[in-house]
């Protein structure tokens, strides 16, 4: 493991339609992971990556871990355990959010293919080989590299054995581009302009980049074999204020997203329509069903071992909070 200073060096961005059509040559994969105060699950994330197998005989990979100013001992732990993680290179920044962290990770990476995952994602040993196989097949089929692979993300509360979680219907994502589990040609990513650092709070920075990729004609290639298990702790009542704050931050960043792409499609993505306002007012009975009125029921469900159902119920008022906050932000900005 190495600790690298920030690097601003960028490679040339010639037309991707003329870049590397066959996918036969050896490939170095750079797995870019921003992290902030997630040391317990980060250990499992890095262990899963170090266990990778099945890549081509000349292929290789590195893990570019960008610490976003963690205060939980992440950097110190990695320094002490460097020998156990030979593929990991650590890059540090002051706390600036995942968009800045991913951009720093890309500029510090050495590979020609960038793989984005989050630091609470645990992968199987064939994770990179699955992305590699699907990418190469798509490059050969299309004759260019105007595509990215999107792996499966399986949500789990099982910290001890996250990869034991079965795939559920609720795990399916309709997003075009999300950084929980994607692999993309580096030059294509750089041509798109990378992540917008205006997204300093929670939400939308990856989907906004996805809109720019879509306009470049980039194709989404589903890669269900590249499984990642996204761990998050089971719901507790102590988490509710933070979840409310996230919705308020998401609303502010949603407005940043819409200002950059004032389209009907983005309105629907961020729920900035009258239909979404009506929907969540109806489902919450005009706000009668809220995080406070649900508290006794949520507590009972959590005690009964059903935190997942409690979270689904809580999503009703959380969506209303987010939609109303977005509308208020838009009114202040005089956006209709």
C-alpha atoms as a PDB file:
ATOM      1  CA  UNK A   1       0.000   0.000   0.000  1.00  0.00           C
ATOM      2  CA  UNK A   2       1.220   3.509  -0.786  1.00  0.00           C
ATOM      3  CA  UNK A   3       0.114   6.915   0.398  1.00  0.00           C
ATOM      4  CA  UNK A   4      -0.014   9.217  -2.603  1.00  0.00           C
ATOM      5  CA  UNK A   5      -0.206  12.996  -2.779  1.00  0.00           C
ATOM      6  CA  UNK A   6      -3.016  14.467  -4.894  1.00  0.00           C
ATOM      7  CA  UNK A   7      -2.192  14.372  -8.571  1.00  0.00           C
ATOM      8  CA  UNK A   8      -3.653  16.731 -11.141  1.00  0.00           C
ATOM      9  CA  UNK A   9      -2.216  14.957 -14.161  1.00  0.00           C
ATOM     10  CA  UNK A  10      -4.853  14.097 -16.736  1.00  0.00           C
ATOM     11  CA  UNK A  11      -4.443  11.900 -19.780  1.00  0.00           C
ATOM     12  CA  UNK A  12      -5.332  12.990 -23.280  1.00  0.00           C
ATOM     13  CA  UNK A  13      -8.962  12.636 -24.283  1.00  0.00           C
ATOM     14  CA  UNK A  14      -8.968  11.766 -27.985  1.00  0.00           C
ATOM     15  CA  UNK A  15     -12.262  10.651 -29.473  1.00  0.00           C
ATOM     16  CA  UNK A  16     -13.457   7.567 -27.630  1.00  0.00           C
ATOM     17  CA  UNK A  17     -15.175   6.247 -30.728  1.00  0.00           C
ATOM     18  CA  UNK A  18     -11.655   5.592 -32.118  1.00  0.00           C
ATOM     19  CA  UNK A  19     -10.212   4.264 -28.859  1.00  0.00           C
ATOM     20  CA  UNK A  20      -9.449   0.587 -28.249  1.00  0.00           C
ATOM     21  CA  UNK A  21     -12.212  -1.295 -30.041  1.00  0.00           C
ATOM     22  CA  UNK A  22     -11.147  -4.914 -29.531  1.00  0.00           C
ATOM     23  CA  UNK A  23     -10.456  -5.145 -25.802  1.00  0.00           C
ATOM     24  CA  UNK A  24      -7.737  -7.809 -26.357  1.00  0.00           C
ATOM     25  CA  UNK A  25      -4.792  -5.921 -24.828  1.00  0.00           C
ATOM     26  CA  UNK A  26      -4.061  -6.196 -21.079  1.00  0.00           C
ATOM     27  CA  UNK A  27      -6.035  -3.821 -18.884  1.00  0.00           C
ATOM     28  CA  UNK A  28      -5.219  -2.194 -15.554  1.00  0.00           C
ATOM     29  CA  UNK A  29      -8.380  -1.603 -13.528  1.00  0.00           C
ATOM     30  CA  UNK A  30      -8.400   1.225 -10.986  1.00  0.00           C
ATOM     31  CA  UNK A  31     -11.054   0.782  -8.302  1.00  0.00           C
ATOM     32  CA  UNK A  32     -11.785   4.264  -6.926  1.00  0.00           C
ATOM     33  CA  UNK A  33     -13.375   4.408  -3.481  1.00  0.00           C
ATOM     34  CA  UNK A  34     -14.092   7.586  -1.505  1.00  0.00           C
ATOM     35  CA  UNK A  35     -14.515   6.933   2.217  1.00  0.00           C
ATOM     36  CA  UNK A  36     -15.451   8.930   5.284  1.00  0.00           C
ATOM     37  CA  UNK A  37     -15.618   7.420   8.776  1.00  0.00           C
ATOM     38  CA  UNK A  38     -16.587   3.897   7.671  1.00  0.00           C
ATOM     39  CA  UNK A  39     -13.663   1.902   9.017  1.00  0.00           C
ATOM     40  CA  UNK A  40     -15.507  -1.265  10.229  1.00  0.00           C
ATOM     41  CA  UNK A  41     -17.205  -1.973   6.895  1.00  0.00           C
ATOM     42  CA  UNK A  42     -14.243  -0.572   4.917  1.00  0.00           C
ATOM     43  CA  UNK A  43     -12.151  -3.478   6.231  1.00  0.00           C
ATOM     44  CA  UNK A  44     -14.586  -5.939   4.642  1.00  0.00           C
ATOM     45  CA  UNK A  45     -14.691  -3.889   1.451  1.00  0.00           C
ATOM     46  CA  UNK A  46     -10.901  -3.985   1.046  1.00  0.00           C
ATOM     47  CA  UNK A  47     -10.680  -7.666   2.022  1.00  0.00           C
ATOM     48  CA  UNK A  48     -13.133  -8.497  -0.758  1.00  0.00           C
ATOM     49  CA  UNK A  49     -11.068  -6.596  -3.302  1.00  0.00           C
ATOM     50  CA  UNK A  50      -7.789  -8.190  -2.240  1.00  0.00           C
ATOM     51  CA  UNK A  51      -9.406 -11.598  -2.825  1.00  0.00           C
ATOM     52  CA  UNK A  52     -10.046 -10.918  -6.533  1.00  0.00           C
ATOM     53  CA  UNK A  53      -9.304 -13.723  -8.977  1.00  0.00           C
ATOM     54  CA  UNK A  54     -10.116 -14.675 -12.560  1.00  0.00           C
ATOM     55  CA  UNK A  55      -8.750 -11.618 -14.371  1.00  0.00           C
ATOM     56  CA  UNK A  56      -6.874 -12.160 -17.606  1.00  0.00           C
ATOM     57  CA  UNK A  57      -3.265 -13.392 -17.287  1.00  0.00           C
ATOM     58  CA  UNK A  58      -1.825  -9.945 -18.082  1.00  0.00           C
ATOM     59  CA  UNK A  59      -4.556  -7.878 -16.434  1.00  0.00           C
ATOM     60  CA  UNK A  60      -4.109  -6.285 -13.038  1.00  0.00           C
ATOM     61  CA  UNK A  61      -5.866  -3.899 -10.678  1.00  0.00           C
ATOM     62  CA  UNK A  62      -5.237  -1.252  -8.069  1.00  0.00           C
ATOM     63  CA  UNK A  63      -7.483   0.221  -5.393  1.00  0.00           C
ATOM     64  CA  UNK A  64      -7.317   4.005  -5.057  1.00  0.00           C
ATOM     65  CA  UNK A  65      -8.824   4.771  -1.668  1.00  0.00           C
ATOM     66  CA  UNK A  66      -9.583   8.451  -1.120  1.00  0.00           C
ATOM     67  CA  UNK A  67      -9.954   9.328   2.538  1.00  0.00           C
ATOM     68  CA  UNK A  68     -12.252  12.335   2.853  1.00  0.00           C
ATOM     69  CA  UNK A  69     -10.898  13.614   6.166  1.00  0.00           C
ATOM     70  CA  UNK A  70     -11.985  10.656   8.309  1.00  0.00           C
ATOM     71  CA  UNK A  71     -11.714  11.029  12.087  1.00  0.00           C
ATOM     72  CA  UNK A  72     -12.250   7.358  12.981  1.00  0.00           C
ATOM     73  CA  UNK A  73      -8.655   6.178  12.542  1.00  0.00           C
ATOM     74  CA  UNK A  74      -9.006   5.036   8.928  1.00  0.00           C
ATOM     75  CA  UNK A  75      -5.663   6.447   7.785  1.00  0.00           C
ATOM     76  CA  UNK A  76      -3.771   5.174  10.815  1.00  0.00           C
ATOM     77  CA  UNK A  77      -5.256   1.692  10.442  1.00  0.00           C
ATOM     78  CA  UNK A  78      -4.281   1.513   6.760  1.00  0.00           C
ATOM     79  CA  UNK A  79      -0.760   2.599   7.558  1.00  0.00           C
ATOM     80  CA  UNK A  80      -0.464  -0.154  10.174  1.00  0.00           C
ATOM     81  CA  UNK A  81      -1.989  -2.830   7.901  1.00  0.00           C
ATOM     82  CA  UNK A  82      -0.234  -1.833   4.678  1.00  0.00           C
ATOM     83  CA  UNK A  83       1.260  -5.276   4.020  1.00  0.00           C
ATOM     84  CA  UNK A  84      -2.177  -6.907   4.052  1.00  0.00           C
ATOM     85  CA  UNK A  85      -3.410  -4.637   1.242  1.00  0.00           C
ATOM     86  CA  UNK A  86      -0.771  -4.608  -1.521  1.00  0.00           C
ATOM     87  CA  UNK A  87      -3.222  -3.324  -4.155  1.00  0.00           C
ATOM     88  CA  UNK A  88      -4.325  -0.291  -2.120  1.00  0.00           C
ATOM     89  CA  UNK A  89      -3.008   3.217  -2.626  1.00  0.00           C
ATOM     90  CA  UNK A  90      -4.259   5.798  -0.145  1.00  0.00           C
ATOM     91  CA  UNK A  91      -4.904   9.388  -1.168  1.00  0.00           C
ATOM     92  CA  UNK A  92      -6.037  11.929   1.437  1.00  0.00           C
ATOM     93  CA  UNK A  93      -8.054  15.110   1.137  1.00  0.00           C
ATOM     94  CA  UNK A  94      -9.720  17.506   3.522  1.00  0.00           C
ATOM     95  CA  UNK A  95     -13.412  16.784   3.962  1.00  0.00           C
ATOM     96  CA  UNK A  96     -15.014  17.862   0.696  1.00  0.00           C
ATOM     97  CA  UNK A  97     -17.541  15.200  -0.232  1.00  0.00           C
ATOM     98  CA  UNK A  98     -17.636  12.210  -2.589  1.00  0.00           C
ATOM     99  CA  UNK A  99     -17.635  14.190  -5.851  1.00  0.00           C
ATOM    100  CA  UNK A 100     -14.287  15.805  -5.045  1.00  0.00           C
ATOM    101  CA  UNK A 101     -13.023  12.486  -3.686  1.00  0.00           C
ATOM    102  CA  UNK A 102     -13.876  10.543  -6.831  1.00  0.00           C
ATOM    103  CA  UNK A 103     -12.290  13.194  -9.053  1.00  0.00           C
ATOM    104  CA  UNK A 104      -9.118  13.045  -6.964  1.00  0.00           C
ATOM    105  CA  UNK A 105      -9.192   9.264  -7.178  1.00  0.00           C
ATOM    106  CA  UNK A 106      -9.449   9.340 -10.970  1.00  0.00           C
ATOM    107  CA  UNK A 107      -6.609  11.859 -11.310  1.00  0.00           C
ATOM    108  CA  UNK A 108      -4.464   9.696  -9.021  1.00  0.00           C
ATOM    109  CA  UNK A 109      -5.347   6.417 -10.754  1.00  0.00           C
ATOM    110  CA  UNK A 110      -3.018   4.594 -13.143  1.00  0.00           C
ATOM    111  CA  UNK A 111      -5.557   2.373 -14.858  1.00  0.00           C
ATOM    112  CA  UNK A 112      -7.341   2.760 -18.182  1.00  0.00           C
ATOM    113  CA  UNK A 113     -10.615   1.456 -16.733  1.00  0.00           C
ATOM    114  CA  UNK A 114     -12.122   3.105 -13.665  1.00  0.00           C
ATOM    115  CA  UNK A 115     -14.358   1.080 -11.357  1.00  0.00           C
ATOM    116  CA  UNK A 116     -16.424   3.073  -8.872  1.00  0.00           C
ATOM    117  CA  UNK A 117     -17.739   1.494  -5.698  1.00  0.00           C
ATOM    118  CA  UNK A 118     -18.634   2.851  -2.264  1.00  0.00           C
ATOM    119  CA  UNK A 119     -16.683   2.008   0.861  1.00  0.00           C
ATOM    120  CA  UNK A 120     -19.635   0.122   2.366  1.00  0.00           C
ATOM    121  CA  UNK A 121     -19.828  -2.305  -0.576  1.00  0.00           C
ATOM    122  CA  UNK A 122     -18.485  -5.853  -0.172  1.00  0.00           C
ATOM    123  CA  UNK A 123     -17.726  -7.722  -3.403  1.00  0.00           C
ATOM    124  CA  UNK A 124     -17.263 -11.342  -4.436  1.00  0.00           C
ATOM    125  CA  UNK A 125     -13.915 -12.737  -5.723  1.00  0.00           C
ATOM    126  CA  UNK A 126     -15.046 -12.629  -9.382  1.00  0.00           C
ATOM    127  CA  UNK A 127     -16.265  -9.011  -9.170  1.00  0.00           C
ATOM    128  CA  UNK A 128     -13.595  -7.473 -11.410  1.00  0.00           C
ATOM    129  CA  UNK A 129     -13.447 -10.404 -13.812  1.00  0.00           C
ATOM    130  CA  UNK A 130     -17.207 -10.074 -14.389  1.00  0.00           C
ATOM    131  CA  UNK A 131     -16.865  -6.367 -15.181  1.00  0.00           C
ATOM    132  CA  UNK A 132     -13.871  -7.119 -17.403  1.00  0.00           C
ATOM    133  CA  UNK A 133     -15.671  -9.800 -19.395  1.00  0.00           C
ATOM    134  CA  UNK A 134     -18.798  -7.687 -19.927  1.00  0.00           C
ATOM    135  CA  UNK A 135     -16.826  -4.573 -20.885  1.00  0.00           C
ATOM    136  CA  UNK A 136     -14.646  -6.422 -23.389  1.00  0.00           C
ATOM    137  CA  UNK A 137     -17.654  -8.079 -24.981  1.00  0.00           C
ATOM    138  CA  UNK A 138     -19.370  -4.701 -25.329  1.00  0.00           C
ATOM    139  CA  UNK A 139     -16.244  -3.061 -26.782  1.00  0.00           C
ATOM    140  CA  UNK A 140     -15.945  -5.817 -29.375  1.00  0.00           C
ATOM    141  CA  UNK A 141     -19.665  -5.734 -30.190  1.00  0.00           C
ATOM    142  CA  UNK A 142     -19.773  -1.944 -30.603  1.00  0.00           C
ATOM    143  CA  UNK A 143     -16.291  -1.424 -32.070  1.00  0.00           C
ATOM    144  CA  UNK A 144     -15.670   1.400 -29.575  1.00  0.00           C
ATOM    145  CA  UNK A 145     -15.676   2.059 -25.827  1.00  0.00           C
ATOM    146  CA  UNK A 146     -18.815   4.182 -25.618  1.00  0.00           C
ATOM    147  CA  UNK A 147     -20.313   2.129 -22.806  1.00  0.00           C
ATOM    148  CA  UNK A 148     -20.041   1.289 -19.132  1.00  0.00           C
ATOM    149  CA  UNK A 149     -20.957  -1.764 -17.095  1.00  0.00           C
ATOM    150  CA  UNK A 150     -23.377  -1.537 -14.192  1.00  0.00           C
ATOM    151  CA  UNK A 151     -23.133  -4.315 -11.636  1.00  0.00           C
ATOM    152  CA  UNK A 152     -25.723  -5.577  -9.165  1.00  0.00           C
ATOM    153  CA  UNK A 153     -26.077  -3.875  -5.770  1.00  0.00           C
ATOM    154  CA  UNK A 154     -27.695  -6.019  -3.091  1.00  0.00           C
ATOM    155  CA  UNK A 155     -28.716  -4.217   0.090  1.00  0.00           C
ATOM    156  CA  UNK A 156     -28.069  -5.944   3.397  1.00  0.00           C
ATOM    157  CA  UNK A 157     -28.068  -5.352   7.159  1.00  0.00           C
ATOM    158  CA  UNK A 158     -25.905  -8.435   7.763  1.00  0.00           C
ATOM    159  CA  UNK A 159     -22.562  -7.056   8.914  1.00  0.00           C
ATOM    160  CA  UNK A 160     -20.998 -10.400   9.848  1.00  0.00           C
ATOM    161  CA  UNK A 161     -21.683 -12.026   6.480  1.00  0.00           C
ATOM    162  CA  UNK A 162     -22.997  -9.443   4.004  1.00  0.00           C
ATOM    163  CA  UNK A 163     -22.494 -11.656   0.935  1.00  0.00           C
ATOM    164  CA  UNK A 164     -25.028 -14.165   2.294  1.00  0.00           C
ATOM    165  CA  UNK A 165     -27.892 -11.773   1.448  1.00  0.00           C
ATOM    166  CA  UNK A 166     -30.150 -12.998  -1.398  1.00  0.00           C
ATOM    167  CA  UNK A 167     -30.998 -10.722  -4.293  1.00  0.00           C
ATOM    168  CA  UNK A 168     -34.395  -9.078  -3.732  1.00  0.00           C
ATOM    169  CA  UNK A 169     -36.848  -7.325  -6.043  1.00  0.00           C
ATOM    170  CA  UNK A 170     -36.300  -4.124  -4.056  1.00  0.00           C
ATOM    171  CA  UNK A 171     -32.577  -4.222  -4.973  1.00  0.00           C
ATOM    172  CA  UNK A 172     -33.268  -3.441  -8.626  1.00  0.00           C
ATOM    173  CA  UNK A 173     -32.232   0.056  -9.656  1.00  0.00           C
ATOM    174  CA  UNK A 174     -33.700   2.038 -12.538  1.00  0.00           C
ATOM    175  CA  UNK A 175     -30.827   4.542 -12.452  1.00  0.00           C
ATOM    176  CA  UNK A 176     -28.816   4.976 -15.654  1.00  0.00           C
ATOM    177  CA  UNK A 177     -25.481   5.687 -13.935  1.00  0.00           C
ATOM    178  CA  UNK A 178     -24.764   5.373 -10.216  1.00  0.00           C
ATOM    179  CA  UNK A 179     -21.370   5.056  -8.579  1.00  0.00           C
ATOM    180  CA  UNK A 180     -22.217   2.168  -6.280  1.00  0.00           C
ATOM    181  CA  UNK A 181     -20.948  -0.369  -8.835  1.00  0.00           C
ATOM    182  CA  UNK A 182     -19.876   0.753 -12.326  1.00  0.00           C
ATOM    183  CA  UNK A 183     -16.852   0.318 -14.617  1.00  0.00           C
ATOM    184  CA  UNK A 184     -16.029   2.767 -17.404  1.00  0.00           C
ATOM    185  CA  UNK A 185     -13.183   3.625 -19.767  1.00  0.00           C
ATOM    186  CA  UNK A 186     -11.076   6.346 -18.192  1.00  0.00           C
ATOM    187  CA  UNK A 187     -10.755   8.499 -21.301  1.00  0.00           C
ATOM    188  CA  UNK A 188     -14.514   8.424 -21.768  1.00  0.00           C
ATOM    189  CA  UNK A 189     -14.973   9.476 -18.157  1.00  0.00           C
ATOM    190  CA  UNK A 190     -12.517  12.348 -18.550  1.00  0.00           C
ATOM    191  CA  UNK A 191     -14.164  13.455 -21.792  1.00  0.00           C
ATOM    192  CA  UNK A 192     -17.481  13.717 -19.902  1.00  0.00           C
ATOM    193  CA  UNK A 193     -15.955  16.195 -17.456  1.00  0.00           C
ATOM    194  CA  UNK A 194     -15.877  14.012 -14.296  1.00  0.00           C
ATOM    195  CA  UNK A 195     -18.000  14.880 -11.255  1.00  0.00           C
ATOM    196  CA  UNK A 196     -19.222  18.408 -10.604  1.00  0.00           C
ATOM    197  CA  UNK A 197     -17.710  19.669  -7.347  1.00  0.00           C
ATOM    198  CA  UNK A 198     -20.774  21.886  -6.815  1.00  0.00           C
ATOM    199  CA  UNK A 199     -22.399  18.772  -5.352  1.00  0.00           C
ATOM    200  CA  UNK A 200     -20.894  19.139  -1.888  1.00  0.00           C
ATOM    201  CA  UNK A 201     -23.879  17.780   0.050  1.00  0.00           C
ATOM    202  CA  UNK A 202     -25.718  14.455  -0.178  1.00  0.00           C
ATOM    203  CA  UNK A 203     -27.126  13.272  -3.470  1.00  0.00           C
ATOM    204  CA  UNK A 204     -27.294  13.438  -7.284  1.00  0.00           C
ATOM    205  CA  UNK A 205     -23.626  13.935  -8.261  1.00  0.00           C
ATOM    206  CA  UNK A 206     -23.459  10.551  -9.983  1.00  0.00           C
ATOM    207  CA  UNK A 207     -26.805  10.830 -11.747  1.00  0.00           C
ATOM    208  CA  UNK A 208     -25.845  14.293 -13.003  1.00  0.00           C
ATOM    209  CA  UNK A 209     -22.674  12.844 -14.532  1.00  0.00           C
ATOM    210  CA  UNK A 210     -24.891  10.162 -16.010  1.00  0.00           C
ATOM    211  CA  UNK A 211     -26.906  12.801 -17.861  1.00  0.00           C
ATOM    212  CA  UNK A 212     -23.723  14.054 -19.529  1.00  0.00           C
ATOM    213  CA  UNK A 213     -22.692  10.502 -20.428  1.00  0.00           C
ATOM    214  CA  UNK A 214     -26.112   9.883 -21.927  1.00  0.00           C
ATOM    215  CA  UNK A 215     -25.716  12.939 -24.145  1.00  0.00           C
ATOM    216  CA  UNK A 216     -22.419  11.522 -25.415  1.00  0.00           C
ATOM    217  CA  UNK A 217     -24.307   8.436 -26.567  1.00  0.00           C
ATOM    218  CA  UNK A 218     -22.804   6.148 -23.933  1.00  0.00           C
ATOM    219  CA  UNK A 219     -24.546   2.794 -23.560  1.00  0.00           C
ATOM    220  CA  UNK A 220     -25.420   1.134 -20.253  1.00  0.00           C
ATOM    221  CA  UNK A 221     -24.414  -2.543 -20.141  1.00  0.00           C
ATOM    222  CA  UNK A 222     -26.001  -4.501 -17.305  1.00  0.00           C
ATOM    223  CA  UNK A 223     -23.540  -6.788 -15.531  1.00  0.00           C
ATOM    224  CA  UNK A 224     -25.510  -8.775 -12.939  1.00  0.00           C
ATOM    225  CA  UNK A 225     -22.586 -11.122 -12.312  1.00  0.00           C
ATOM    226  CA  UNK A 226     -20.547  -8.288 -10.753  1.00  0.00           C
ATOM    227  CA  UNK A 227     -22.282  -8.434  -7.400  1.00  0.00           C
ATOM    228  CA  UNK A 228     -21.714  -5.925  -4.628  1.00  0.00           C
ATOM    229  CA  UNK A 229     -23.354  -6.186  -1.205  1.00  0.00           C
ATOM    230  CA  UNK A 230     -24.226  -2.749   0.144  1.00  0.00           C
ATOM    231  CA  UNK A 231     -24.211  -2.831   3.916  1.00  0.00           C
ATOM    232  CA  UNK A 232     -26.045  -0.291   5.983  1.00  0.00           C
ATOM    233  CA  UNK A 233     -27.039  -0.645   9.624  1.00  0.00           C
ATOM    234  CA  UNK A 234     -30.624  -1.671  10.400  1.00  0.00           C
ATOM    235  CA  UNK A 235     -32.904   1.252  11.132  1.00  0.00           C
ATOM    236  CA  UNK A 236     -32.925   2.646  14.643  1.00  0.00           C
ATOM    237  CA  UNK A 237     -34.880   5.628  15.910  1.00  0.00           C
ATOM    238  CA  UNK A 238     -31.606   7.443  16.537  1.00  0.00           C
ATOM    239  CA  UNK A 239     -31.035   7.543  12.767  1.00  0.00           C
ATOM    240  CA  UNK A 240     -34.240   9.434  11.960  1.00  0.00           C
ATOM    241  CA  UNK A 241     -32.871  13.001  12.376  1.00  0.00           C
ATOM    242  CA  UNK A 242     -29.930  12.183  10.107  1.00  0.00           C
ATOM    243  CA  UNK A 243     -32.262  10.695   7.501  1.00  0.00           C
ATOM    244  CA  UNK A 244     -34.388  13.845   7.573  1.00  0.00           C
ATOM    245  CA  UNK A 245     -31.255  15.956   7.116  1.00  0.00           C
ATOM    246  CA  UNK A 246     -30.194  13.824   4.150  1.00  0.00           C
ATOM    247  CA  UNK A 247     -33.526  14.494   2.441  1.00  0.00           C
ATOM    248  CA  UNK A 248     -33.080  18.223   2.965  1.00  0.00           C
ATOM    249  CA  UNK A 249     -29.551  18.053   1.537  1.00  0.00           C
ATOM    250  CA  UNK A 250     -30.776  15.946  -1.366  1.00  0.00           C
ATOM    251  CA  UNK A 251     -33.347  18.655  -2.123  1.00  0.00           C
ATOM    252  CA  UNK A 252     -30.669  21.358  -2.256  1.00  0.00           C
ATOM    253  CA  UNK A 253     -28.491  19.234  -4.529  1.00  0.00           C
ATOM    254  CA  UNK A 254     -31.525  18.360  -6.636  1.00  0.00           C
ATOM    255  CA  UNK A 255     -31.855  22.028  -7.466  1.00  0.00           C
ATOM    256  CA  UNK A 256     -28.182  22.104  -8.541  1.00  0.00           C
ATOM    257  CA  UNK A 257     -28.944  19.112 -10.777  1.00  0.00           C
ATOM    258  CA  UNK A 258     -32.001  20.766 -12.335  1.00  0.00           C
ATOM    259  CA  UNK A 259     -30.212  24.055 -12.986  1.00  0.00           C
ATOM    260  CA  UNK A 260     -27.612  22.164 -15.013  1.00  0.00           C
ATOM    261  CA  UNK A 261     -30.207  20.051 -16.840  1.00  0.00           C
ATOM    262  CA  UNK A 262     -33.598  21.838 -16.865  1.00  0.00           C
ATOM    263  CA  UNK A 263     -35.419  18.978 -18.577  1.00  0.00           C
ATOM    264  CA  UNK A 264     -38.586  17.048 -17.944  1.00  0.00           C
ATOM    265  CA  UNK A 265     -36.538  13.906 -17.423  1.00  0.00           C
ATOM    266  CA  UNK A 266     -34.524  15.481 -14.594  1.00  0.00           C
ATOM    267  CA  UNK A 267     -37.708  16.886 -13.054  1.00  0.00           C
ATOM    268  CA  UNK A 268     -38.989  13.323 -12.717  1.00  0.00           C
ATOM    269  CA  UNK A 269     -35.663  12.005 -11.437  1.00  0.00           C
ATOM    270  CA  UNK A 270     -35.548  14.534  -8.581  1.00  0.00           C
ATOM    271  CA  UNK A 271     -39.358  14.456  -8.034  1.00  0.00           C
ATOM    272  CA  UNK A 272     -39.782  18.106  -8.978  1.00  0.00           C
ATOM    273  CA  UNK A 273     -43.307  17.809 -10.426  1.00  0.00           C
ATOM    274  CA  UNK A 274     -46.816  18.519  -9.229  1.00  0.00           C
ATOM    275  CA  UNK A 275     -47.552  14.786  -9.526  1.00  0.00           C
ATOM    276  CA  UNK A 276     -44.898  13.931  -6.959  1.00  0.00           C
ATOM    277  CA  UNK A 277     -46.165  16.615  -4.608  1.00  0.00           C
ATOM    278  CA  UNK A 278     -49.692  15.254  -4.884  1.00  0.00           C
ATOM    279  CA  UNK A 279     -48.507  11.658  -4.508  1.00  0.00           C
ATOM    280  CA  UNK A 280     -46.645  12.174  -1.243  1.00  0.00           C
ATOM    281  CA  UNK A 281     -49.314  14.473   0.196  1.00  0.00           C
ATOM    282  CA  UNK A 282     -51.865  11.754  -0.523  1.00  0.00           C
ATOM    283  CA  UNK A 283     -49.792   8.863   0.856  1.00  0.00           C
ATOM    284  CA  UNK A 284     -48.996  10.768   4.061  1.00  0.00           C
ATOM    285  CA  UNK A 285     -52.548  12.139   4.446  1.00  0.00           C
ATOM    286  CA  UNK A 286     -51.283  15.673   4.079  1.00  0.00           C
ATOM    287  CA  UNK A 287     -48.476  15.156   6.560  1.00  0.00           C
ATOM    288  CA  UNK A 288     -50.489  13.401   9.299  1.00  0.00           C
ATOM    289  CA  UNK A 289     -48.267  10.392   8.696  1.00  0.00           C
ATOM    290  CA  UNK A 290     -44.876  11.791   9.597  1.00  0.00           C
ATOM    291  CA  UNK A 291     -41.657  10.763  11.325  1.00  0.00           C
ATOM    292  CA  UNK A 292     -43.126  11.741  14.711  1.00  0.00           C
ATOM    293  CA  UNK A 293     -46.544  10.104  14.387  1.00  0.00           C
ATOM    294  CA  UNK A 294     -44.918   6.917  13.053  1.00  0.00           C
ATOM    295  CA  UNK A 295     -42.443   6.699  15.907  1.00  0.00           C
ATOM    296  CA  UNK A 296     -44.408   4.199  18.102  1.00  0.00           C
ATOM    297  CA  UNK A 297     -45.054   1.910  15.116  1.00  0.00           C
ATOM    298  CA  UNK A 298     -41.434   2.160  13.955  1.00  0.00           C
ATOM    299  CA  UNK A 299     -40.218   1.314  17.466  1.00  0.00           C
ATOM    300  CA  UNK A 300     -42.501  -1.747  17.591  1.00  0.00           C
ATOM    301  CA  UNK A 301     -41.362  -2.984  14.173  1.00  0.00           C
ATOM    302  CA  UNK A 302     -37.713  -2.546  15.134  1.00  0.00           C
ATOM    303  CA  UNK A 303     -38.230  -4.448  18.398  1.00  0.00           C
ATOM    304  CA  UNK A 304     -40.023  -7.164  16.422  1.00  0.00           C
ATOM    305  CA  UNK A 305     -37.004  -7.681  14.200  1.00  0.00           C
ATOM    306  CA  UNK A 306     -38.475  -5.966  11.129  1.00  0.00           C
ATOM    307  CA  UNK A 307     -36.318  -2.867  10.633  1.00  0.00           C
ATOM    308  CA  UNK A 308     -36.592  -3.217   6.847  1.00  0.00           C
ATOM    309  CA  UNK A 309     -40.362  -2.794   6.962  1.00  0.00           C
ATOM    310  CA  UNK A 310     -39.934   0.106   9.371  1.00  0.00           C
ATOM    311  CA  UNK A 311     -37.606   1.784   6.870  1.00  0.00           C
ATOM    312  CA  UNK A 312     -40.084   1.326   4.031  1.00  0.00           C
ATOM    313  CA  UNK A 313     -42.803   3.005   6.118  1.00  0.00           C
ATOM    314  CA  UNK A 314     -40.469   5.839   7.044  1.00  0.00           C
ATOM    315  CA  UNK A 315     -39.810   6.469   3.350  1.00  0.00           C
ATOM    316  CA  UNK A 316     -43.344   7.889   3.057  1.00  0.00           C
ATOM    317  CA  UNK A 317     -42.731  11.003   5.195  1.00  0.00           C
ATOM    318  CA  UNK A 318     -39.096  11.208   4.075  1.00  0.00           C
ATOM    319  CA  UNK A 319     -40.193  11.538   0.456  1.00  0.00           C
ATOM    320  CA  UNK A 320     -42.691  14.227   1.422  1.00  0.00           C
ATOM    321  CA  UNK A 321     -39.974  16.102   3.334  1.00  0.00           C
ATOM    322  CA  UNK A 322     -37.652  15.950   0.331  1.00  0.00           C
ATOM    323  CA  UNK A 323     -40.269  17.042  -2.201  1.00  0.00           C
ATOM    324  CA  UNK A 324     -41.455  19.934  -0.028  1.00  0.00           C
ATOM    325  CA  UNK A 325     -37.881  21.061   0.671  1.00  0.00           C
ATOM    326  CA  UNK A 326     -37.115  21.007  -3.056  1.00  0.00           C
ATOM    327  CA  UNK A 327     -40.196  23.102  -3.787  1.00  0.00           C
ATOM    328  CA  UNK A 328     -39.224  25.620  -1.106  1.00  0.00           C
ATOM    329  CA  UNK A 329     -35.682  25.870  -2.492  1.00  0.00           C
ATOM    330  CA  UNK A 330     -37.072  26.370  -5.988  1.00  0.00           C
ATOM    331  CA  UNK A 331     -39.378  29.149  -4.829  1.00  0.00           C
ATOM    332  CA  UNK A 332     -36.483  30.947  -3.161  1.00  0.00           C
ATOM    333  CA  UNK A 333     -34.511  30.628  -6.391  1.00  0.00           C
ATOM    334  CA  UNK A 334     -37.565  31.652  -8.454  1.00  0.00           C
ATOM    335  CA  UNK A 335     -37.566  28.406 -10.393  1.00  0.00           C
ATOM    336  CA  UNK A 336     -40.901  27.006 -11.507  1.00  0.00           C
END
